[in-house]
N, C-alpha and C. Protein backbone atom coordinates (compact mmCIF):
# COMPACT_ATOMS: atom_id res chain seq x y z
N UNK A 1 -95.51 -220.22 112.38
CA UNK A 1 -95.93 -221.51 112.65
C UNK A 1 -96.30 -222.38 111.42
N UNK A 2 -96.12 -223.45 110.51
CA UNK A 2 -96.75 -223.99 109.77
C UNK A 2 -96.14 -225.44 109.91
N UNK A 3 -97.50 -225.89 109.21
CA UNK A 3 -97.54 -227.89 109.85
C UNK A 3 -97.62 -228.17 107.96
N UNK A 4 -96.94 -229.56 107.99
CA UNK A 4 -97.26 -229.72 106.23
C UNK A 4 -96.79 -231.78 106.81
N UNK A 5 -97.79 -232.74 105.67
CA UNK A 5 -97.12 -233.23 105.28
C UNK A 5 -96.27 -233.45 104.65
N UNK A 6 -95.50 -234.52 105.30
CA UNK A 6 -94.12 -235.13 104.74
C UNK A 6 -94.22 -235.22 102.94
N UNK A 7 -95.39 -236.17 102.73
CA UNK A 7 -95.13 -235.76 101.03
C UNK A 7 -95.53 -234.47 100.71
N UNK A 8 -96.03 -233.59 101.49
CA UNK A 8 -95.42 -232.32 100.96
C UNK A 8 -94.94 -231.49 100.90
N UNK A 9 -94.16 -231.49 101.98
CA UNK A 9 -93.15 -230.92 102.12
C UNK A 9 -92.14 -232.31 100.86
N UNK A 10 -91.49 -232.90 100.36
CA UNK A 10 -90.91 -234.24 99.52
C UNK A 10 -91.25 -232.88 98.45
N UNK A 11 -92.72 -233.16 98.28
CA UNK A 11 -93.39 -232.32 96.45
C UNK A 11 -92.67 -230.93 96.55
N UNK A 12 -92.66 -230.21 98.06
CA UNK A 12 -92.12 -228.90 97.69
C UNK A 12 -91.13 -228.30 98.50
N UNK A 13 -90.27 -229.57 98.20
CA UNK A 13 -88.65 -229.36 99.16
C UNK A 13 -88.19 -227.84 99.37
N UNK A 14 -87.59 -227.50 97.68
CA UNK A 14 -86.91 -226.12 97.43
C UNK A 14 -87.70 -224.84 98.27
N UNK A 15 -89.20 -225.12 98.08
CA UNK A 15 -89.99 -223.77 99.04
C UNK A 15 -89.59 -224.04 99.93
N UNK A 16 -89.68 -225.46 100.75
CA UNK A 16 -89.45 -225.27 102.40
C UNK A 16 -88.84 -225.15 102.64
N UNK A 17 -87.64 -225.22 101.85
CA UNK A 17 -85.92 -225.08 102.72
C UNK A 17 -85.84 -223.04 102.75
N UNK A 18 -86.90 -222.61 101.01
CA UNK A 18 -86.15 -221.37 101.30
C UNK A 18 -87.07 -220.46 102.45
N UNK A 19 -87.85 -220.96 102.24
CA UNK A 19 -88.96 -220.29 103.91
C UNK A 19 -88.56 -220.99 105.15
N UNK A 20 -87.16 -221.28 105.21
CA UNK A 20 -87.22 -221.29 106.48
C UNK A 20 -85.83 -220.51 106.39
N UNK A 21 -85.46 -221.15 104.84
CA UNK A 21 -83.94 -220.34 105.24
C UNK A 21 -83.94 -218.71 104.92
N UNK A 22 -84.59 -218.34 104.40
CA UNK A 22 -84.58 -216.61 103.73
C UNK A 22 -86.05 -216.11 104.52
N UNK A 23 -87.22 -216.73 104.85
CA UNK A 23 -88.45 -216.08 105.63
C UNK A 23 -88.12 -216.76 106.92
N UNK A 24 -87.40 -217.05 107.26
CA UNK A 24 -87.59 -217.71 108.98
C UNK A 24 -88.32 -218.07 109.84
N UNK A 25 -89.44 -219.23 108.62
CA UNK A 25 -90.39 -219.88 108.74
C UNK A 25 -89.71 -220.98 109.15
N UNK A 26 -90.69 -221.36 110.36
CA UNK A 26 -90.45 -223.04 111.07
C UNK A 26 -91.65 -224.20 110.38
N UNK A 27 -91.23 -224.96 109.56
CA UNK A 27 -92.11 -225.82 109.72
C UNK A 27 -91.85 -227.35 110.02
N UNK A 28 -93.58 -227.72 110.84
CA UNK A 28 -93.49 -228.58 111.32
C UNK A 28 -93.83 -229.98 110.21
N UNK A 29 -92.89 -230.81 110.07
CA UNK A 29 -94.04 -232.04 109.09
C UNK A 29 -94.55 -233.24 109.96
N UNK A 30 -95.18 -232.90 109.23
CA UNK A 30 -95.95 -234.34 110.04
C UNK A 30 -95.87 -235.37 109.40
N UNK A 31 -96.77 -236.71 109.28
CA UNK A 31 -96.49 -237.81 108.93
C UNK A 31 -97.90 -238.85 109.95
N UNK A 32 -98.74 -239.03 109.38
CA UNK A 32 -100.02 -239.87 109.79
C UNK A 32 -101.03 -238.17 110.94
N UNK A 33 -100.38 -237.21 110.51
CA UNK A 33 -101.35 -236.09 111.70
C UNK A 33 -100.64 -236.04 112.54
N UNK A 34 -99.32 -236.30 112.60
CA UNK A 34 -98.71 -235.75 114.22
C UNK A 34 -97.22 -235.52 113.36
N UNK A 35 -97.07 -234.00 115.05
CA UNK A 35 -95.50 -233.75 114.53
C UNK A 35 -94.65 -234.63 114.41
N UNK A 36 -93.68 -235.05 113.46
CA UNK A 36 -92.28 -235.91 113.27
C UNK A 36 -91.33 -235.38 112.97
N UNK A 37 -90.87 -234.08 112.60
CA UNK A 37 -89.75 -233.60 112.75
C UNK A 37 -90.05 -231.99 112.44
N UNK A 38 -89.04 -230.96 112.20
CA UNK A 38 -89.30 -229.73 111.48
C UNK A 38 -87.63 -229.42 110.80
N UNK A 39 -88.65 -227.98 109.99
CA UNK A 39 -87.57 -227.42 108.77
C UNK A 39 -87.39 -226.39 109.85
N UNK A 40 -86.13 -226.16 109.80
CA UNK A 40 -86.12 -224.54 110.74
C UNK A 40 -85.05 -223.77 110.30
N UNK A 41 -85.29 -222.01 110.55
CA UNK A 41 -83.54 -221.87 110.03
C UNK A 41 -82.54 -221.96 110.71
N UNK A 42 -81.15 -222.22 110.00
CA UNK A 42 -80.14 -222.17 110.65
C UNK A 42 -79.88 -221.56 112.34
N UNK A 43 -80.90 -220.28 112.28
CA UNK A 43 -80.56 -219.57 113.70
C UNK A 43 -80.90 -220.17 114.80
N UNK A 44 -82.09 -220.71 114.33
CA UNK A 44 -82.91 -221.76 115.59
C UNK A 44 -81.85 -222.26 115.44
N UNK A 45 -81.30 -223.43 114.69
CA UNK A 45 -80.88 -224.07 115.47
C UNK A 45 -79.00 -224.32 116.75
N UNK A 46 -78.87 -222.67 115.50
CA UNK A 46 -77.80 -222.69 116.83
C UNK A 46 -77.86 -221.69 118.11
N UNK A 47 -78.71 -221.19 118.47
CA UNK A 47 -79.41 -220.59 119.34
C UNK A 47 -79.94 -222.51 120.10
N UNK A 48 -80.38 -223.66 119.10
CA UNK A 48 -80.62 -225.12 120.61
C UNK A 48 -78.96 -225.33 120.50
N UNK A 49 -78.20 -225.58 119.73
CA UNK A 49 -76.49 -225.58 120.32
C UNK A 49 -76.63 -225.05 121.42
N UNK A 50 -76.08 -223.54 121.40
CA UNK A 50 -76.09 -222.66 121.81
C UNK A 50 -76.09 -222.94 123.34
N UNK A 51 -78.05 -223.32 123.78
CA UNK A 51 -77.81 -223.55 124.96
C UNK A 51 -77.57 -225.22 125.30
N UNK A 52 -77.93 -225.14 124.63
CA UNK A 52 -76.97 -227.35 125.04
C UNK A 52 -75.91 -226.86 125.81
N UNK A 53 -74.90 -226.50 125.18
CA UNK A 53 -73.97 -226.43 124.90
C UNK A 53 -74.35 -225.41 126.97
N UNK A 54 -74.99 -224.60 126.99
CA UNK A 54 -74.49 -223.83 128.46
C UNK A 54 -75.12 -225.15 129.66
N UNK A 55 -76.04 -225.72 129.53
CA UNK A 55 -76.60 -226.43 129.89
C UNK A 55 -75.52 -227.33 130.43
N UNK A 56 -74.74 -228.03 129.77
CA UNK A 56 -73.72 -229.00 129.79
C UNK A 56 -72.44 -228.46 130.48
N UNK A 57 -72.29 -226.96 130.31
CA UNK A 57 -71.38 -226.40 130.66
C UNK A 57 -71.91 -226.75 132.55
N UNK A 58 -72.49 -226.04 132.64
CA UNK A 58 -73.03 -226.32 133.33
C UNK A 58 -73.30 -227.52 134.56
N UNK A 59 -73.73 -228.48 134.14
CA UNK A 59 -73.80 -229.83 134.80
C UNK A 59 -72.10 -230.09 134.74
N UNK A 60 -70.80 -230.24 134.13
CA UNK A 60 -70.17 -230.79 134.33
C UNK A 60 -69.67 -229.47 135.19
N UNK A 61 -69.23 -228.41 135.33
CA UNK A 61 -69.20 -227.64 136.41
C UNK A 61 -70.12 -228.03 137.86
N UNK A 62 -71.19 -228.49 137.87
CA UNK A 62 -71.61 -228.91 139.10
C UNK A 62 -71.07 -230.09 139.67
N UNK A 63 -70.82 -231.31 138.58
CA UNK A 63 -70.01 -232.70 138.64
C UNK A 63 -68.35 -232.04 139.52
N UNK A 64 -68.24 -231.25 139.04
CA UNK A 64 -66.45 -230.72 139.20
C UNK A 64 -66.53 -230.77 140.53
N UNK A 65 -68.11 -229.83 140.89
CA UNK A 65 -67.81 -229.54 142.50
C UNK A 65 -67.72 -230.55 143.88
N UNK A 66 -68.88 -231.03 143.20
CA UNK A 66 -69.35 -232.47 143.64
C UNK A 66 -68.20 -233.04 144.23
N UNK A 67 -67.39 -233.15 143.32
CA UNK A 67 -65.53 -234.24 143.43
C UNK A 67 -65.55 -233.57 144.42
N UNK A 68 -64.87 -232.15 143.89
CA UNK A 68 -63.85 -231.67 145.05
C UNK A 68 -64.37 -231.69 146.44
N UNK A 69 -66.01 -231.57 146.48
CA UNK A 69 -66.06 -231.71 147.98
C UNK A 69 -66.94 -232.91 148.53
N UNK A 70 -67.22 -233.97 147.92
CA UNK A 70 -67.41 -235.16 148.25
C UNK A 70 -65.72 -236.11 147.90
N UNK A 71 -64.90 -235.95 147.08
CA UNK A 71 -64.15 -237.07 146.73
C UNK A 71 -63.96 -237.92 145.77
N UNK A 72 -63.64 -238.82 145.40
CA UNK A 72 -63.67 -239.18 143.96
C UNK A 72 -63.47 -241.29 144.95
N UNK A 73 -63.01 -241.75 143.55
CA UNK A 73 -63.15 -243.20 144.15
C UNK A 73 -62.38 -243.95 142.89
N UNK A 74 -60.72 -245.13 143.03
CA UNK A 74 -59.88 -244.93 141.89
C UNK A 74 -61.66 -245.79 141.01
N UNK A 75 -61.94 -246.41 139.24
CA UNK A 75 -61.94 -246.76 138.17
C UNK A 75 -61.81 -248.26 138.77
N UNK A 76 -60.82 -248.41 139.60
CA UNK A 76 -61.06 -250.21 139.82
C UNK A 76 -62.22 -250.14 141.39
N UNK A 77 -62.27 -249.47 141.80
CA UNK A 77 -63.09 -249.37 143.05
C UNK A 77 -64.33 -249.48 142.78
N UNK A 78 -65.13 -248.65 142.22
CA UNK A 78 -65.96 -248.64 141.07
C UNK A 78 -66.19 -249.55 140.55
N UNK A 79 -65.17 -250.90 140.18
CA UNK A 79 -65.80 -250.90 138.89
C UNK A 79 -66.34 -252.68 139.84
N UNK A 80 -65.58 -252.56 140.77
CA UNK A 80 -66.10 -253.67 141.73
C UNK A 80 -66.89 -253.64 142.70
N UNK A 81 -67.27 -252.13 142.93
CA UNK A 81 -68.83 -252.23 144.22
C UNK A 81 -70.06 -252.27 142.92
N UNK A 82 -69.19 -252.33 141.21
CA UNK A 82 -70.60 -252.51 140.15
C UNK A 82 -70.72 -254.03 139.95
N UNK A 83 -69.41 -254.83 140.25
CA UNK A 83 -69.59 -255.49 140.13
C UNK A 83 -69.22 -256.06 138.03
N UNK A 84 -68.58 -254.92 137.66
CA UNK A 84 -68.07 -255.33 136.56
C UNK A 84 -66.77 -256.05 136.59
C-alpha cells in the first residue's frame, strides 16, 4: 500500500487513478501526515459493499426473528412511550 499527500495526488491524479485501476494498487492519501482518504481498485469497493450488504441482511434477519419471538407494538404506542 502506498501513501501520498493529497497535494501529490492532485498533481499526479491520472497516475494515481491508473495505478488503482490497472495495477490494483491501494493508495492512502494523507493530509498533514495523517490518513485522510484512499483510492482503491473498483474490485475492493465492490467487495466492501458486498460485505456490508451481508451484514445488513444478517441484522435484518435477526431483527425479524426477535420481532417474531417478542412481538411488536403499534407505532402510536411507541410514540407515546417516547413522549413524541
